[in-house]
Amino acid sequence: MLELDAWLTRFLDVRYPHLPAEQQAVFARLLEQDDMQLFDWLTGEQAPPPEFAGVVEIIKITRTPQQ
């Protein structure tokens, strides 16, 4: 899914390098989830499980370039 790839690429470029190792590990587990599930979490259609909530919020904040 192109839009999902763009959001995750931006996150990897901007935020991922600065995350603590624990959050980087959560992100790795997040990538194992179904693409449509990830899309729903990132668009707010569904709430992510608590394990992923923090990283999902960081991705959501990061997905739009700052003006």
N, C-alpha and C. Protein backbone atom coordinates (compact mmCIF):
# COMPACT_ATOMS: atom_id res chain seq x y z
N MET A 1 0.85 -1.17 0.00
CA MET A 1 0.00 0.00 0.00
C MET A 1 0.90 1.24 0.00
N LEU A 2 0.79 2.01 -1.05
CA LEU A 2 1.70 3.13 -1.28
C LEU A 2 1.64 4.19 -0.18
N GLU A 3 0.43 4.56 0.24
CA GLU A 3 0.29 5.59 1.27
C GLU A 3 0.92 5.14 2.60
N LEU A 4 0.69 3.90 2.95
CA LEU A 4 1.27 3.35 4.17
C LEU A 4 2.79 3.34 4.08
N ASP A 5 3.32 2.94 2.94
CA ASP A 5 4.77 2.95 2.74
C ASP A 5 5.34 4.35 2.90
N ALA A 6 4.65 5.35 2.38
CA ALA A 6 5.13 6.74 2.49
C ALA A 6 5.17 7.18 3.95
N TRP A 7 4.12 6.87 4.71
CA TRP A 7 4.08 7.25 6.13
C TRP A 7 5.21 6.58 6.91
N LEU A 8 5.39 5.28 6.66
CA LEU A 8 6.41 4.54 7.41
C LEU A 8 7.81 4.97 7.01
N THR A 9 8.01 5.28 5.75
CA THR A 9 9.33 5.76 5.29
C THR A 9 9.67 7.08 5.96
N ARG A 10 8.70 7.98 6.00
CA ARG A 10 8.94 9.28 6.66
C ARG A 10 9.27 9.07 8.13
N PHE A 11 8.52 8.21 8.81
CA PHE A 11 8.79 7.89 10.21
C PHE A 11 10.20 7.36 10.37
N LEU A 12 10.59 6.43 9.52
CA LEU A 12 11.94 5.85 9.62
C LEU A 12 13.02 6.91 9.41
N ASP A 13 12.78 7.83 8.51
CA ASP A 13 13.76 8.88 8.23
C ASP A 13 13.84 9.92 9.35
N VAL A 14 12.69 10.27 9.92
CA VAL A 14 12.62 11.41 10.84
C VAL A 14 12.72 11.01 12.31
N ARG A 15 11.98 9.99 12.71
CA ARG A 15 11.84 9.70 14.15
C ARG A 15 12.54 8.43 14.63
N TYR A 16 12.49 7.39 13.81
CA TYR A 16 12.99 6.09 14.25
C TYR A 16 14.40 6.14 14.85
N PRO A 17 15.35 6.81 14.21
CA PRO A 17 16.72 6.80 14.75
C PRO A 17 16.83 7.38 16.16
N HIS A 18 15.85 8.17 16.57
CA HIS A 18 15.91 8.83 17.87
C HIS A 18 15.10 8.09 18.95
N LEU A 19 14.44 7.02 18.58
CA LEU A 19 13.64 6.26 19.55
C LEU A 19 14.53 5.39 20.42
N PRO A 20 14.11 5.16 21.65
CA PRO A 20 14.82 4.19 22.49
C PRO A 20 14.69 2.79 21.88
N ALA A 21 15.61 1.93 22.21
CA ALA A 21 15.63 0.56 21.66
C ALA A 21 14.31 -0.17 21.90
N GLU A 22 13.67 0.06 23.02
CA GLU A 22 12.41 -0.61 23.31
C GLU A 22 11.33 -0.22 22.30
N GLN A 23 11.24 1.06 21.97
CA GLN A 23 10.25 1.51 20.99
C GLN A 23 10.62 1.06 19.58
N GLN A 24 11.90 0.97 19.29
CA GLN A 24 12.31 0.43 18.00
C GLN A 24 11.88 -1.03 17.86
N ALA A 25 11.96 -1.78 18.95
CA ALA A 25 11.52 -3.18 18.94
C ALA A 25 10.01 -3.27 18.75
N VAL A 26 9.27 -2.37 19.38
CA VAL A 26 7.81 -2.34 19.20
C VAL A 26 7.50 -2.05 17.73
N PHE A 27 8.21 -1.12 17.13
CA PHE A 27 8.00 -0.80 15.71
C PHE A 27 8.26 -2.03 14.85
N ALA A 28 9.30 -2.79 15.15
CA ALA A 28 9.59 -4.01 14.38
C ALA A 28 8.42 -4.99 14.47
N ARG A 29 7.84 -5.13 15.65
CA ARG A 29 6.67 -6.01 15.81
C ARG A 29 5.45 -5.43 15.09
N LEU A 30 5.34 -4.13 15.08
CA LEU A 30 4.23 -3.47 14.37
C LEU A 30 4.25 -3.82 12.88
N LEU A 31 5.45 -3.89 12.31
CA LEU A 31 5.58 -4.20 10.89
C LEU A 31 5.13 -5.61 10.54
N GLU A 32 5.00 -6.47 11.53
CA GLU A 32 4.54 -7.83 11.30
C GLU A 32 3.02 -7.91 11.17
N GLN A 33 2.34 -6.82 11.44
CA GLN A 33 0.87 -6.78 11.39
C GLN A 33 0.40 -6.61 9.94
N ASP A 34 -0.84 -6.97 9.71
CA ASP A 34 -1.46 -6.85 8.40
C ASP A 34 -1.50 -5.38 7.95
N ASP A 35 -1.23 -5.13 6.68
CA ASP A 35 -1.21 -3.76 6.15
C ASP A 35 -2.53 -3.03 6.38
N MET A 36 -3.64 -3.70 6.15
CA MET A 36 -4.93 -3.03 6.32
C MET A 36 -5.17 -2.68 7.79
N GLN A 37 -4.70 -3.54 8.69
CA GLN A 37 -4.82 -3.25 10.12
C GLN A 37 -3.99 -2.01 10.46
N LEU A 38 -2.77 -1.97 9.96
CA LEU A 38 -1.90 -0.80 10.19
C LEU A 38 -2.55 0.47 9.64
N PHE A 39 -3.10 0.37 8.45
CA PHE A 39 -3.75 1.52 7.84
C PHE A 39 -4.90 2.02 8.72
N ASP A 40 -5.71 1.10 9.22
CA ASP A 40 -6.83 1.48 10.08
C ASP A 40 -6.34 2.15 11.36
N TRP A 41 -5.27 1.66 11.92
CA TRP A 41 -4.71 2.26 13.15
C TRP A 41 -4.19 3.66 12.86
N LEU A 42 -3.49 3.81 11.74
CA LEU A 42 -2.87 5.10 11.42
C LEU A 42 -3.88 6.16 10.97
N THR A 43 -5.00 5.71 10.44
CA THR A 43 -6.02 6.67 10.02
C THR A 43 -7.05 6.92 11.12
N GLY A 44 -6.95 6.18 12.21
CA GLY A 44 -7.89 6.36 13.31
C GLY A 44 -9.19 5.59 13.15
N GLU A 45 -9.30 4.75 12.14
CA GLU A 45 -10.50 3.94 11.95
C GLU A 45 -10.68 2.95 13.10
N GLN A 46 -9.57 2.47 13.64
CA GLN A 46 -9.58 1.56 14.78
C GLN A 46 -8.46 1.98 15.73
N ALA A 47 -8.66 1.69 16.99
CA ALA A 47 -7.61 1.96 17.98
C ALA A 47 -6.63 0.79 17.96
N PRO A 48 -5.33 1.09 18.02
CA PRO A 48 -4.35 0.01 18.06
C PRO A 48 -4.34 -0.65 19.44
N PRO A 49 -3.83 -1.87 19.51
CA PRO A 49 -3.65 -2.49 20.82
C PRO A 49 -2.70 -1.64 21.67
N PRO A 50 -2.83 -1.68 22.97
CA PRO A 50 -1.97 -0.87 23.85
C PRO A 50 -0.48 -1.02 23.57
N GLU A 51 -0.06 -2.22 23.19
CA GLU A 51 1.36 -2.47 22.90
C GLU A 51 1.88 -1.53 21.81
N PHE A 52 1.03 -1.21 20.83
CA PHE A 52 1.45 -0.42 19.68
C PHE A 52 1.02 1.04 19.74
N ALA A 53 0.20 1.40 20.69
CA ALA A 53 -0.41 2.74 20.72
C ALA A 53 0.61 3.87 20.68
N GLY A 54 1.67 3.78 21.47
CA GLY A 54 2.66 4.85 21.52
C GLY A 54 3.36 5.06 20.19
N VAL A 55 3.79 3.97 19.58
CA VAL A 55 4.49 4.08 18.30
C VAL A 55 3.54 4.55 17.20
N VAL A 56 2.31 4.06 17.22
CA VAL A 56 1.33 4.51 16.23
C VAL A 56 1.12 6.01 16.34
N GLU A 57 1.04 6.54 17.55
CA GLU A 57 0.86 7.99 17.72
C GLU A 57 2.06 8.76 17.17
N ILE A 58 3.25 8.25 17.39
CA ILE A 58 4.44 8.92 16.86
C ILE A 58 4.41 8.91 15.33
N ILE A 59 4.02 7.79 14.75
CA ILE A 59 3.93 7.72 13.28
C ILE A 59 2.89 8.70 12.77
N LYS A 60 1.74 8.77 13.43
CA LYS A 60 0.69 9.69 13.01
C LYS A 60 1.15 11.14 13.07
N ILE A 61 1.88 11.50 14.09
CA ILE A 61 2.41 12.85 14.23
C ILE A 61 3.44 13.15 13.14
N THR A 62 4.20 12.13 12.79
CA THR A 62 5.31 12.29 11.84
C THR A 62 4.87 12.25 10.40
N ARG A 63 3.71 11.70 10.12
CA ARG A 63 3.34 11.44 8.71
C ARG A 63 3.12 12.70 7.88
N THR A 64 2.87 13.81 8.52
CA THR A 64 2.66 15.06 7.79
C THR A 64 3.84 15.99 8.03
N PRO A 65 4.51 16.42 6.97
CA PRO A 65 5.65 17.35 7.15
C PRO A 65 5.18 18.62 7.87
N GLN A 66 6.04 19.14 8.73
CA GLN A 66 5.75 20.39 9.43
C GLN A 66 5.79 21.55 8.46
N GLN A 67 4.86 22.45 8.59
CA GLN A 67 4.79 23.60 7.71
C GLN A 67 5.71 24.71 8.21
